[in-house]
N, C-alpha and C. Protein backbone atom coordinates (compact mmCIF):
# COMPACT_ATOMS: atom_id res chain seq x y z
N UNK A 1 158.60 103.08 76.77
CA UNK A 1 157.28 102.78 76.17
C UNK A 1 157.14 103.56 74.87
N UNK A 2 156.77 102.89 73.78
CA UNK A 2 156.63 103.53 72.50
C UNK A 2 155.40 104.41 72.43
N UNK A 3 155.36 105.23 71.37
CA UNK A 3 154.24 106.15 71.21
C UNK A 3 152.93 105.40 71.03
N UNK A 4 152.95 104.34 70.22
CA UNK A 4 151.73 103.57 69.98
C UNK A 4 151.24 102.91 71.26
N UNK A 5 152.20 102.37 72.05
CA UNK A 5 151.81 101.72 73.30
C UNK A 5 151.24 102.73 74.28
N UNK A 6 151.86 103.93 74.34
CA UNK A 6 151.33 104.99 75.20
C UNK A 6 149.93 105.39 74.78
N UNK A 7 149.69 105.47 73.47
CA UNK A 7 148.37 105.85 72.97
C UNK A 7 147.33 104.80 73.36
N UNK A 8 147.73 103.50 73.24
CA UNK A 8 146.79 102.44 73.63
C UNK A 8 146.49 102.50 75.14
N UNK A 9 147.51 102.81 75.93
CA UNK A 9 147.32 102.90 77.38
C UNK A 9 146.37 104.05 77.73
N UNK A 10 146.58 105.19 77.07
CA UNK A 10 145.70 106.34 77.32
C UNK A 10 144.28 106.03 76.87
N UNK A 11 144.15 105.34 75.75
CA UNK A 11 142.82 105.00 75.25
C UNK A 11 142.12 104.05 76.20
N UNK A 12 142.89 103.10 76.76
CA UNK A 12 142.30 102.15 77.71
C UNK A 12 141.81 102.88 78.95
N UNK A 13 142.63 103.81 79.45
CA UNK A 13 142.22 104.57 80.64
C UNK A 13 141.00 105.42 80.35
N UNK A 14 140.96 106.00 79.15
CA UNK A 14 139.82 106.83 78.77
C UNK A 14 138.55 105.99 78.69
N UNK A 15 138.65 104.79 78.11
CA UNK A 15 137.49 103.91 78.01
C UNK A 15 137.01 103.49 79.40
N UNK A 16 137.96 103.21 80.31
CA UNK A 16 137.60 102.82 81.67
C UNK A 16 136.90 103.98 82.37
N UNK A 17 137.40 105.20 82.15
CA UNK A 17 136.78 106.38 82.77
C UNK A 17 135.38 106.59 82.23
N UNK A 18 135.21 106.43 80.92
CA UNK A 18 133.88 106.60 80.33
C UNK A 18 132.92 105.55 80.86
N UNK A 19 133.41 104.31 81.02
CA UNK A 19 132.55 103.25 81.55
C UNK A 19 132.12 103.56 82.98
N UNK A 20 133.05 104.09 83.78
CA UNK A 20 132.71 104.44 85.17
C UNK A 20 131.68 105.56 85.21
N UNK A 21 131.89 106.57 84.34
CA UNK A 21 130.93 107.69 84.30
C UNK A 21 129.56 107.19 83.89
N UNK A 22 129.52 106.29 82.89
CA UNK A 22 128.24 105.74 82.43
C UNK A 22 127.54 104.98 83.54
N UNK A 23 128.31 104.17 84.29
CA UNK A 23 127.72 103.40 85.39
C UNK A 23 127.16 104.31 86.46
N UNK A 24 127.92 105.36 86.82
CA UNK A 24 127.45 106.30 87.84
C UNK A 24 126.19 107.01 87.37
N UNK A 25 126.19 107.42 86.11
CA UNK A 25 125.01 108.09 85.57
C UNK A 25 123.80 107.19 85.58
N UNK A 26 124.02 105.89 85.27
CA UNK A 26 122.91 104.95 85.28
C UNK A 26 122.34 104.78 86.68
N UNK A 27 123.22 104.69 87.68
CA UNK A 27 122.76 104.56 89.06
C UNK A 27 122.01 105.80 89.50
N UNK A 28 122.51 106.95 89.10
CA UNK A 28 121.84 108.20 89.49
C UNK A 28 120.50 108.33 88.82
N UNK A 29 120.38 107.80 87.60
CA UNK A 29 119.12 107.92 86.87
C UNK A 29 118.08 106.95 87.37
N UNK A 30 118.50 105.83 87.95
CA UNK A 30 117.55 104.80 88.36
C UNK A 30 116.51 105.30 89.33
N UNK A 31 116.88 106.01 90.45
CA UNK A 31 115.86 106.50 91.36
C UNK A 31 114.90 107.45 90.69
N UNK A 32 115.43 108.32 89.78
CA UNK A 32 114.55 109.26 89.11
C UNK A 32 113.53 108.54 88.24
N UNK A 33 114.03 107.51 87.53
CA UNK A 33 113.11 106.73 86.70
C UNK A 33 112.10 106.01 87.57
N UNK A 34 112.55 105.47 88.69
CA UNK A 34 111.65 104.76 89.59
C UNK A 34 110.60 105.70 90.13
N UNK A 35 111.02 106.93 90.42
CA UNK A 35 110.07 107.90 90.97
C UNK A 35 108.99 108.23 89.97
N UNK A 36 109.34 108.19 88.66
CA UNK A 36 108.36 108.59 87.66
C UNK A 36 107.40 107.47 87.30
N UNK A 37 107.86 106.21 87.41
CA UNK A 37 106.98 105.13 86.97
C UNK A 37 106.60 104.16 88.06
N UNK A 38 107.02 104.44 89.31
CA UNK A 38 106.62 103.60 90.42
C UNK A 38 107.47 102.36 90.59
N UNK A 39 108.58 102.25 89.84
CA UNK A 39 109.38 101.03 89.90
C UNK A 39 110.00 100.82 91.26
N UNK A 40 110.18 101.90 92.05
CA UNK A 40 110.79 101.73 93.36
C UNK A 40 109.89 100.94 94.30
N UNK A 41 108.64 100.74 93.92
CA UNK A 41 107.71 100.02 94.78
C UNK A 41 107.48 98.59 94.30
N UNK A 42 108.13 98.19 93.22
CA UNK A 42 107.95 96.83 92.71
C UNK A 42 108.46 95.83 93.72
N UNK A 43 107.84 94.65 93.72
CA UNK A 43 108.25 93.62 94.64
C UNK A 43 107.41 93.58 95.89
N UNK A 44 106.75 94.68 96.21
CA UNK A 44 105.87 94.75 97.38
C UNK A 44 104.41 94.92 96.97
N UNK A 45 104.15 95.15 95.70
CA UNK A 45 102.77 95.22 95.21
C UNK A 45 102.08 96.53 95.48
N UNK A 46 102.84 97.62 95.61
CA UNK A 46 102.24 98.91 95.90
C UNK A 46 102.09 99.75 94.64
N UNK A 47 101.16 100.68 94.67
CA UNK A 47 101.05 101.70 93.65
C UNK A 47 101.59 103.01 94.21
N UNK A 48 102.41 103.69 93.41
CA UNK A 48 103.03 104.93 93.87
C UNK A 48 102.11 106.12 93.64
N UNK A 49 102.24 107.12 94.51
CA UNK A 49 101.62 108.43 94.29
C UNK A 49 102.63 109.47 94.76
N UNK A 50 102.31 110.72 94.55
CA UNK A 50 103.21 111.80 94.93
C UNK A 50 102.47 112.80 95.82
N UNK A 51 102.09 112.38 97.03
CA UNK A 51 101.24 113.22 97.88
C UNK A 51 101.93 114.45 98.43
N UNK A 52 103.27 114.47 98.41
CA UNK A 52 103.98 115.61 98.99
C UNK A 52 104.59 116.51 97.93
N UNK A 53 104.13 116.37 96.69
CA UNK A 53 104.65 117.20 95.61
C UNK A 53 104.43 118.68 95.90
N UNK A 54 103.30 119.02 96.49
CA UNK A 54 103.02 120.44 96.80
C UNK A 54 103.97 120.99 97.85
N UNK A 55 104.64 120.07 98.57
CA UNK A 55 105.63 120.48 99.57
C UNK A 55 107.06 120.29 99.04
N UNK A 56 107.16 120.26 97.70
CA UNK A 56 108.45 120.19 97.00
C UNK A 56 109.18 118.87 97.26
N UNK A 57 108.43 117.82 97.49
CA UNK A 57 109.01 116.48 97.68
C UNK A 57 108.49 115.59 96.55
N UNK A 58 109.34 115.25 95.56
CA UNK A 58 108.87 114.48 94.40
C UNK A 58 108.92 112.97 94.59
N UNK A 59 109.31 112.46 95.76
CA UNK A 59 109.43 111.02 95.94
C UNK A 59 108.08 110.33 95.81
N UNK A 60 108.08 109.08 95.32
CA UNK A 60 106.84 108.31 95.27
C UNK A 60 106.59 107.65 96.62
N UNK A 61 105.37 107.73 97.13
CA UNK A 61 105.01 107.16 98.43
C UNK A 61 103.79 106.27 98.29
N UNK A 62 103.61 105.42 99.29
CA UNK A 62 102.38 104.64 99.41
C UNK A 62 101.88 104.78 100.85
N UNK A 63 100.58 104.82 101.01
CA UNK A 63 99.98 105.02 102.33
C UNK A 63 100.14 103.75 103.16
N UNK A 64 100.52 103.91 104.44
CA UNK A 64 100.53 102.78 105.35
C UNK A 64 99.13 102.19 105.47
N UNK A 65 98.99 100.92 105.84
CA UNK A 65 97.65 100.38 106.08
C UNK A 65 96.88 101.24 107.07
N UNK A 66 95.73 101.73 106.64
CA UNK A 66 94.91 102.68 107.39
C UNK A 66 95.77 103.84 107.91
N UNK A 67 96.68 104.32 107.07
CA UNK A 67 97.53 105.44 107.44
C UNK A 67 96.80 106.76 107.56
N UNK A 68 95.57 106.82 107.05
CA UNK A 68 94.74 108.01 107.22
C UNK A 68 93.77 107.89 108.37
N UNK A 69 93.70 106.70 109.00
CA UNK A 69 92.88 106.42 110.19
C UNK A 69 91.38 106.57 109.96
N UNK A 70 90.98 106.52 108.72
CA UNK A 70 89.55 106.61 108.42
C UNK A 70 88.83 105.30 108.74
N UNK A 71 89.58 104.20 108.88
CA UNK A 71 88.98 102.92 109.27
C UNK A 71 89.11 102.68 110.76
N UNK A 72 89.39 103.75 111.51
CA UNK A 72 89.44 103.63 112.97
C UNK A 72 90.73 103.06 113.50
N UNK A 73 91.81 103.10 112.69
CA UNK A 73 93.08 102.54 113.14
C UNK A 73 93.13 101.03 112.98
N UNK A 74 92.46 100.50 111.96
CA UNK A 74 92.42 99.05 111.74
C UNK A 74 93.84 98.50 111.58
N UNK A 75 94.17 97.49 112.37
CA UNK A 75 95.48 96.86 112.30
C UNK A 75 96.54 97.52 113.15
N UNK A 76 96.26 98.72 113.67
CA UNK A 76 97.22 99.42 114.51
C UNK A 76 97.11 98.91 115.95
N UNK A 77 98.23 98.94 116.67
CA UNK A 77 98.25 98.62 118.09
C UNK A 77 98.38 99.92 118.87
N UNK A 78 97.34 100.26 119.64
CA UNK A 78 97.31 101.53 120.37
C UNK A 78 97.41 101.25 121.86
N UNK A 79 98.22 102.04 122.55
CA UNK A 79 98.38 101.86 123.99
C UNK A 79 98.51 103.21 124.68
N UNK A 80 98.27 103.20 126.01
CA UNK A 80 98.45 104.40 126.81
C UNK A 80 97.47 105.52 126.52
N UNK A 81 96.30 105.17 126.00
CA UNK A 81 95.30 106.20 125.71
C UNK A 81 95.30 106.70 124.28
N UNK A 82 96.18 106.17 123.42
CA UNK A 82 96.15 106.54 122.00
C UNK A 82 94.83 106.09 121.39
N UNK A 83 94.23 106.95 120.56
CA UNK A 83 92.94 106.62 119.97
C UNK A 83 92.71 107.44 118.71
N UNK A 84 91.84 106.94 117.87
CA UNK A 84 91.43 107.68 116.68
C UNK A 84 90.34 108.66 117.08
N UNK A 85 90.50 109.90 116.65
CA UNK A 85 89.57 110.96 117.05
C UNK A 85 89.20 111.81 115.83
N UNK A 86 88.19 112.64 116.01
CA UNK A 86 87.77 113.53 114.93
C UNK A 86 88.83 114.59 114.66
N UNK A 87 88.95 114.99 113.41
CA UNK A 87 89.92 116.00 113.00
C UNK A 87 90.89 115.44 111.99
N UNK A 88 91.11 116.17 110.90
CA UNK A 88 91.91 115.68 109.78
C UNK A 88 92.91 116.74 109.37
N UNK A 89 94.06 116.27 108.84
CA UNK A 89 95.00 117.27 108.30
C UNK A 89 94.32 118.01 107.15
N UNK A 90 94.61 119.31 107.00
CA UNK A 90 93.78 120.15 106.10
C UNK A 90 94.02 119.96 104.62
N UNK A 91 95.10 119.30 104.21
CA UNK A 91 95.38 119.17 102.78
C UNK A 91 94.72 117.95 102.17
N UNK A 92 94.23 117.03 102.99
CA UNK A 92 93.54 115.83 102.50
C UNK A 92 94.35 115.09 101.43
N UNK A 93 95.63 114.86 101.70
CA UNK A 93 96.48 114.27 100.66
C UNK A 93 96.10 112.82 100.35
N UNK A 94 95.49 112.12 101.31
CA UNK A 94 95.06 110.74 101.04
C UNK A 94 93.60 110.68 100.63
N UNK A 95 93.00 111.84 100.41
CA UNK A 95 91.59 111.92 100.07
C UNK A 95 90.80 112.56 101.20
N UNK A 96 89.55 112.93 100.94
CA UNK A 96 88.74 113.56 101.99
C UNK A 96 88.66 112.66 103.22
N UNK A 97 88.85 113.24 104.39
CA UNK A 97 88.80 112.47 105.62
C UNK A 97 88.35 113.31 106.79
N UNK A 98 88.10 112.65 107.89
CA UNK A 98 87.61 113.37 109.08
C UNK A 98 88.24 112.86 110.36
N UNK A 99 89.27 111.98 110.25
CA UNK A 99 89.85 111.38 111.45
C UNK A 99 91.37 111.48 111.44
N UNK A 100 91.93 111.39 112.63
CA UNK A 100 93.38 111.35 112.81
C UNK A 100 93.66 110.59 114.10
N UNK A 101 94.92 110.33 114.35
CA UNK A 101 95.29 109.58 115.55
C UNK A 101 95.74 110.55 116.64
N UNK A 102 95.15 110.42 117.83
CA UNK A 102 95.51 111.24 118.97
C UNK A 102 96.46 110.46 119.87
N UNK A 103 97.57 111.09 120.23
CA UNK A 103 98.59 110.45 121.06
C UNK A 103 98.86 111.33 122.29
N UNK A 104 98.21 111.04 123.42
CA UNK A 104 98.49 111.80 124.64
C UNK A 104 99.83 111.39 125.24
N UNK A 105 100.22 112.04 126.31
CA UNK A 105 101.47 111.71 126.99
C UNK A 105 101.48 110.25 127.42
N UNK A 106 102.65 109.61 127.30
CA UNK A 106 102.88 108.21 127.71
C UNK A 106 102.08 107.21 126.87
N UNK A 107 101.73 107.59 125.67
CA UNK A 107 101.03 106.67 124.77
C UNK A 107 101.96 106.28 123.63
N UNK A 108 101.52 105.31 122.85
CA UNK A 108 102.27 104.96 121.65
C UNK A 108 101.32 104.26 120.68
N UNK A 109 101.71 104.24 119.43
CA UNK A 109 100.91 103.58 118.39
C UNK A 109 101.86 102.86 117.45
N UNK A 110 101.55 101.61 117.13
CA UNK A 110 102.39 100.81 116.24
C UNK A 110 101.57 100.39 115.04
N UNK A 111 102.10 100.65 113.86
CA UNK A 111 101.38 100.37 112.63
C UNK A 111 101.34 98.88 112.32
N UNK A 112 100.46 98.46 111.43
CA UNK A 112 100.53 97.09 110.91
C UNK A 112 101.84 96.90 110.15
N UNK A 113 102.30 95.66 109.99
CA UNK A 113 103.53 95.43 109.22
C UNK A 113 103.34 95.79 107.75
N UNK A 114 104.42 96.22 107.14
CA UNK A 114 104.38 96.63 105.74
C UNK A 114 105.68 96.20 105.06
N UNK A 115 105.57 95.67 103.87
CA UNK A 115 106.74 95.26 103.11
C UNK A 115 107.57 96.48 102.71
N UNK A 116 108.88 96.41 102.99
CA UNK A 116 109.79 97.48 102.59
C UNK A 116 111.07 96.88 102.07
N UNK A 117 111.82 97.66 101.29
CA UNK A 117 113.05 97.18 100.71
C UNK A 117 114.26 97.45 101.55
N UNK A 118 115.43 96.98 101.07
CA UNK A 118 116.64 97.08 101.86
C UNK A 118 117.33 98.44 101.73
N UNK A 119 116.92 99.27 100.78
CA UNK A 119 117.47 100.61 100.68
C UNK A 119 116.57 101.54 101.50
N UNK A 120 117.17 102.57 102.08
CA UNK A 120 116.52 103.47 103.02
C UNK A 120 115.02 103.70 102.79
N UNK A 121 114.14 103.14 103.59
CA UNK A 121 112.72 103.53 103.51
C UNK A 121 112.54 104.92 104.09
N UNK A 122 111.72 105.73 103.44
CA UNK A 122 111.49 107.11 103.86
C UNK A 122 110.07 107.24 104.37
N UNK A 123 109.88 107.87 105.52
CA UNK A 123 108.58 108.00 106.16
C UNK A 123 108.21 109.48 106.24
N UNK A 124 106.96 109.80 105.86
CA UNK A 124 106.44 111.16 106.02
C UNK A 124 105.02 111.08 106.54
N UNK A 125 104.64 112.09 107.33
CA UNK A 125 103.29 112.16 107.86
C UNK A 125 103.01 113.60 108.28
N UNK A 126 101.78 113.84 108.67
CA UNK A 126 101.38 115.15 109.18
C UNK A 126 101.19 115.06 110.69
N UNK A 127 101.52 116.12 111.39
CA UNK A 127 101.34 116.11 112.84
C UNK A 127 100.95 117.50 113.33
N UNK A 128 100.40 117.52 114.53
CA UNK A 128 100.11 118.78 115.21
C UNK A 128 100.17 118.52 116.71
N UNK A 129 100.27 119.60 117.49
CA UNK A 129 100.28 119.48 118.94
C UNK A 129 101.67 119.30 119.49
N UNK A 130 101.72 118.76 120.72
CA UNK A 130 102.98 118.63 121.43
C UNK A 130 103.26 119.87 122.26
N UNK A 131 104.09 119.71 123.25
CA UNK A 131 104.44 120.84 124.12
C UNK A 131 105.86 121.30 123.81
N UNK A 132 106.25 122.42 124.44
CA UNK A 132 107.57 122.98 124.23
C UNK A 132 108.64 121.95 124.58
N UNK A 133 109.61 121.78 123.69
CA UNK A 133 110.73 120.86 123.84
C UNK A 133 110.35 119.38 123.71
N UNK A 134 109.11 119.09 123.38
CA UNK A 134 108.73 117.69 123.13
C UNK A 134 109.04 117.33 121.68
N UNK A 135 108.93 116.04 121.36
CA UNK A 135 109.15 115.60 119.99
C UNK A 135 108.44 114.28 119.77
N UNK A 136 108.24 113.94 118.50
CA UNK A 136 107.65 112.66 118.13
C UNK A 136 108.75 111.72 117.69
N UNK A 137 108.88 110.61 118.40
CA UNK A 137 109.88 109.59 118.04
C UNK A 137 109.22 108.53 117.18
N UNK A 138 109.87 108.19 116.08
CA UNK A 138 109.38 107.14 115.18
C UNK A 138 110.45 106.07 115.08
N UNK A 139 110.08 104.83 115.41
CA UNK A 139 111.00 103.70 115.33
C UNK A 139 110.52 102.70 114.29
N UNK A 140 111.46 102.15 113.55
CA UNK A 140 111.18 101.04 112.64
C UNK A 140 111.41 99.74 113.39
N UNK A 141 110.40 98.87 113.43
CA UNK A 141 110.49 97.58 114.11
C UNK A 141 110.56 96.47 113.07
N UNK A 142 111.51 95.57 113.24
CA UNK A 142 111.71 94.51 112.25
C UNK A 142 112.41 93.33 112.92
N UNK A 143 112.49 92.23 112.22
CA UNK A 143 113.23 91.06 112.69
C UNK A 143 114.47 90.88 111.83
N UNK A 144 115.59 90.61 112.51
CA UNK A 144 116.82 90.41 111.76
C UNK A 144 116.88 89.00 111.18
N UNK A 145 118.00 88.68 110.55
CA UNK A 145 118.12 87.40 109.86
C UNK A 145 118.02 86.22 110.81
N UNK A 146 118.26 86.44 112.10
CA UNK A 146 118.17 85.37 113.10
C UNK A 146 116.80 85.32 113.76
N UNK A 147 115.88 86.17 113.29
CA UNK A 147 114.53 86.18 113.85
C UNK A 147 114.37 87.01 115.11
N UNK A 148 115.40 87.77 115.49
CA UNK A 148 115.33 88.60 116.69
C UNK A 148 114.62 89.91 116.39
N UNK A 149 113.78 90.35 117.33
CA UNK A 149 113.08 91.63 117.17
C UNK A 149 114.07 92.77 117.36
N UNK A 150 114.07 93.70 116.40
CA UNK A 150 114.97 94.85 116.45
C UNK A 150 114.19 96.13 116.24
N UNK A 151 114.79 97.24 116.62
CA UNK A 151 114.20 98.54 116.35
C UNK A 151 115.30 99.53 116.06
N UNK A 152 115.00 100.51 115.25
CA UNK A 152 115.95 101.57 114.95
C UNK A 152 115.18 102.88 114.82
N UNK A 153 115.70 103.91 115.43
CA UNK A 153 115.02 105.21 115.45
C UNK A 153 115.25 105.93 114.13
N UNK A 154 114.18 106.52 113.60
CA UNK A 154 114.27 107.28 112.36
C UNK A 154 114.55 108.75 112.69
N UNK A 155 115.26 109.40 111.79
CA UNK A 155 115.62 110.81 111.96
C UNK A 155 115.26 111.59 110.71
N UNK A 156 114.96 112.90 110.84
CA UNK A 156 114.94 113.69 112.06
C UNK A 156 113.68 113.44 112.88
N UNK A 157 113.67 113.87 114.13
CA UNK A 157 112.51 113.72 114.99
C UNK A 157 111.39 114.65 114.53
N UNK A 158 110.14 114.31 114.92
CA UNK A 158 109.01 115.18 114.64
C UNK A 158 108.94 116.31 115.66
N UNK A 159 108.71 117.52 115.19
CA UNK A 159 108.71 118.69 116.06
C UNK A 159 107.28 119.14 116.40
N UNK A 160 107.08 119.72 117.59
CA UNK A 160 105.74 120.17 117.98
C UNK A 160 105.29 121.36 117.13
N UNK A 161 103.99 121.52 117.03
CA UNK A 161 103.44 122.62 116.23
C UNK A 161 102.04 122.95 116.72
N UNK A 162 101.70 124.24 116.66
CA UNK A 162 100.36 124.66 117.05
C UNK A 162 99.31 124.27 116.04
N UNK A 163 99.70 124.00 114.81
CA UNK A 163 98.77 123.58 113.76
C UNK A 163 99.37 122.43 112.98
N UNK A 164 98.61 121.92 112.01
CA UNK A 164 99.08 120.79 111.22
C UNK A 164 100.27 121.19 110.36
N UNK A 165 101.29 120.33 110.35
CA UNK A 165 102.45 120.53 109.49
C UNK A 165 102.86 119.20 108.88
N UNK A 166 103.43 119.22 107.66
CA UNK A 166 104.03 117.99 107.11
C UNK A 166 105.42 117.83 107.72
N UNK A 167 105.67 116.70 108.34
CA UNK A 167 106.99 116.47 108.91
C UNK A 167 108.01 116.24 107.82
N UNK A 168 109.26 116.54 108.14
CA UNK A 168 110.34 116.29 107.19
C UNK A 168 110.47 114.79 106.93
N UNK A 169 110.99 114.41 105.77
CA UNK A 169 111.19 112.98 105.50
C UNK A 169 112.08 112.34 106.56
N UNK A 170 111.61 111.22 107.11
CA UNK A 170 112.37 110.49 108.12
C UNK A 170 112.95 109.23 107.50
N UNK A 171 114.17 108.90 107.90
CA UNK A 171 114.79 107.68 107.42
C UNK A 171 115.78 107.18 108.45
N UNK A 172 116.20 105.93 108.29
CA UNK A 172 117.19 105.38 109.22
C UNK A 172 118.56 105.56 108.60
N UNK A 173 119.51 106.00 109.43
CA UNK A 173 120.82 106.35 108.93
C UNK A 173 121.91 105.36 109.32
N UNK A 174 121.58 104.37 110.18
CA UNK A 174 122.61 103.49 110.68
C UNK A 174 123.00 102.37 109.75
N UNK A 175 122.14 102.02 108.80
CA UNK A 175 122.45 100.95 107.87
C UNK A 175 122.13 99.55 108.38
N UNK A 176 121.86 99.40 109.69
CA UNK A 176 121.62 98.06 110.23
C UNK A 176 120.37 97.45 109.64
N UNK A 177 119.35 98.24 109.44
CA UNK A 177 118.10 97.72 108.90
C UNK A 177 118.31 97.14 107.51
N UNK A 178 119.12 97.82 106.72
CA UNK A 178 119.36 97.35 105.36
C UNK A 178 120.11 96.03 105.34
N UNK A 179 121.06 95.88 106.24
CA UNK A 179 121.92 94.70 106.20
C UNK A 179 121.26 93.47 106.79
N UNK A 180 120.21 93.64 107.58
CA UNK A 180 119.67 92.52 108.33
C UNK A 180 118.25 92.13 107.91
N UNK A 181 117.86 92.48 106.70
CA UNK A 181 116.55 92.05 106.22
C UNK A 181 116.51 90.54 106.09
N UNK A 182 115.30 89.99 106.15
CA UNK A 182 115.16 88.54 106.24
C UNK A 182 115.71 87.82 105.02
N UNK A 183 115.42 88.33 103.83
CA UNK A 183 115.87 87.62 102.64
C UNK A 183 116.82 88.45 101.79
N UNK A 184 117.29 89.57 102.35
CA UNK A 184 118.23 90.41 101.62
C UNK A 184 117.57 91.36 100.65
N UNK A 185 116.26 91.25 100.45
CA UNK A 185 115.55 92.11 99.52
C UNK A 185 114.46 92.92 100.21
N UNK A 186 113.55 92.23 100.87
CA UNK A 186 112.45 92.92 101.56
C UNK A 186 112.23 92.29 102.93
N UNK A 187 111.56 93.02 103.78
CA UNK A 187 111.14 92.49 105.06
C UNK A 187 109.90 93.25 105.51
N UNK A 188 109.17 92.69 106.46
CA UNK A 188 108.02 93.39 107.01
C UNK A 188 108.48 94.30 108.14
N UNK A 189 108.11 95.56 108.03
CA UNK A 189 108.52 96.57 109.00
C UNK A 189 107.29 97.23 109.57
N UNK A 190 107.28 97.47 110.88
CA UNK A 190 106.24 98.25 111.54
C UNK A 190 106.84 99.57 112.01
N UNK A 191 106.01 100.58 112.08
CA UNK A 191 106.44 101.89 112.57
C UNK A 191 105.76 102.18 113.91
N UNK A 192 106.55 102.57 114.88
CA UNK A 192 106.02 102.89 116.22
C UNK A 192 106.19 104.38 116.48
N UNK A 193 105.07 105.02 116.82
CA UNK A 193 105.05 106.46 117.08
C UNK A 193 104.90 106.68 118.59
N UNK A 194 105.83 107.44 119.17
CA UNK A 194 105.83 107.67 120.61
C UNK A 194 106.13 109.13 120.90
N UNK A 195 105.19 109.90 121.49
CA UNK A 195 105.52 111.27 121.88
C UNK A 195 106.47 111.27 123.06
N UNK A 196 107.49 112.09 122.97
CA UNK A 196 108.48 112.21 124.03
C UNK A 196 108.47 113.62 124.61
N UNK A 197 108.63 113.71 125.93
CA UNK A 197 108.53 115.00 126.59
C UNK A 197 109.85 115.58 127.01
N UNK A 198 109.85 116.89 127.16
CA UNK A 198 110.99 117.60 127.72
C UNK A 198 110.64 118.07 129.12
N UNK A 199 110.98 119.30 129.43
CA UNK A 199 110.70 119.86 130.75
C UNK A 199 109.21 119.98 131.02
N UNK A 200 108.42 120.11 129.97
CA UNK A 200 106.99 120.36 130.13
C UNK A 200 106.15 119.15 129.72
N UNK A 201 106.76 117.98 129.64
CA UNK A 201 106.03 116.81 129.21
C UNK A 201 105.86 116.81 127.70
N UNK A 202 105.21 115.79 127.19
CA UNK A 202 105.07 115.67 125.74
C UNK A 202 103.85 116.39 125.20
N UNK A 203 102.86 116.64 126.06
CA UNK A 203 101.60 117.16 125.56
C UNK A 203 100.87 116.12 124.74
N UNK A 204 99.81 116.55 124.08
CA UNK A 204 99.02 115.66 123.22
C UNK A 204 99.33 115.95 121.76
N UNK A 205 99.59 114.88 121.02
CA UNK A 205 99.92 114.99 119.61
C UNK A 205 98.79 114.43 118.75
N UNK A 206 98.76 114.87 117.50
CA UNK A 206 97.92 114.26 116.47
C UNK A 206 98.81 113.90 115.29
N UNK A 207 98.57 112.73 114.68
CA UNK A 207 99.24 112.40 113.42
C UNK A 207 98.19 111.94 112.42
N UNK A 208 98.50 112.12 111.15
CA UNK A 208 97.56 111.75 110.10
C UNK A 208 98.32 111.49 108.81
N UNK A 209 97.72 110.72 107.94
CA UNK A 209 98.23 110.43 106.59
C UNK A 209 99.71 110.05 106.63
N UNK A 210 99.96 108.85 107.13
CA UNK A 210 101.33 108.33 107.26
C UNK A 210 101.70 107.60 105.98
N UNK A 211 102.73 108.07 105.31
CA UNK A 211 103.18 107.51 104.03
C UNK A 211 104.59 106.97 104.14
N UNK A 212 104.90 106.01 103.28
CA UNK A 212 106.24 105.43 103.21
C UNK A 212 106.66 105.32 101.75
N UNK A 213 107.91 105.68 101.48
CA UNK A 213 108.55 105.30 100.23
C UNK A 213 109.43 104.10 100.56
N UNK A 214 108.99 102.87 100.26
CA UNK A 214 109.73 101.69 100.70
C UNK A 214 111.07 101.46 100.00
N UNK A 215 111.31 102.16 98.87
CA UNK A 215 112.57 102.02 98.13
C UNK A 215 112.88 100.56 97.83
N UNK A 216 111.91 99.84 97.31
CA UNK A 216 112.17 98.48 96.85
C UNK A 216 112.58 98.54 95.40
N UNK A 217 113.88 98.63 95.14
CA UNK A 217 114.38 98.78 93.78
C UNK A 217 114.75 97.40 93.22
N UNK A 218 114.21 97.09 92.06
CA UNK A 218 114.54 95.81 91.42
C UNK A 218 115.05 96.05 90.00
């Protein structure tokens, strides 16, 4: 191979490497740009806010339908004694409020459906209560491309606390939800909250201000 040909080969490889770096940088920048202008919520008609910024979480979120329970749990399906009761998380991230959802042992609550995208939806909320070794299980409920009802558990689990705490961001890690959306872009997803018990039962939980980052990137 001549010197000129070797130079052209090296130049071609360098150009390919630069193109790959540019593409990776563009992909990495997209979520940041979406977080700043709300673009990650396009396609579902939501407005973004940053309610967890004080907890060092810069992601854009939108409140679930009646996610603050100030409308008495409108649209939610409550069972096993779950009910809206007096008492609010102290930071008032969704605005001044006076209500939250109470979840005693063997109860559950399912949110109204909400449009979400095919990239990992992230769920955050505030909780209090629970007994030793208990946890709050959150499942995403959806229909796959064949119309079958499916569910997938979000991680990490919610941990018990003597006072109100912001739970860590929850997301689904299996990838099945992303691959089986109805139209490949968005689908309606419901969230089901179920207290789970250990040796001492689940105790009574409270949740409030349930937010989702649907990650609908277009």
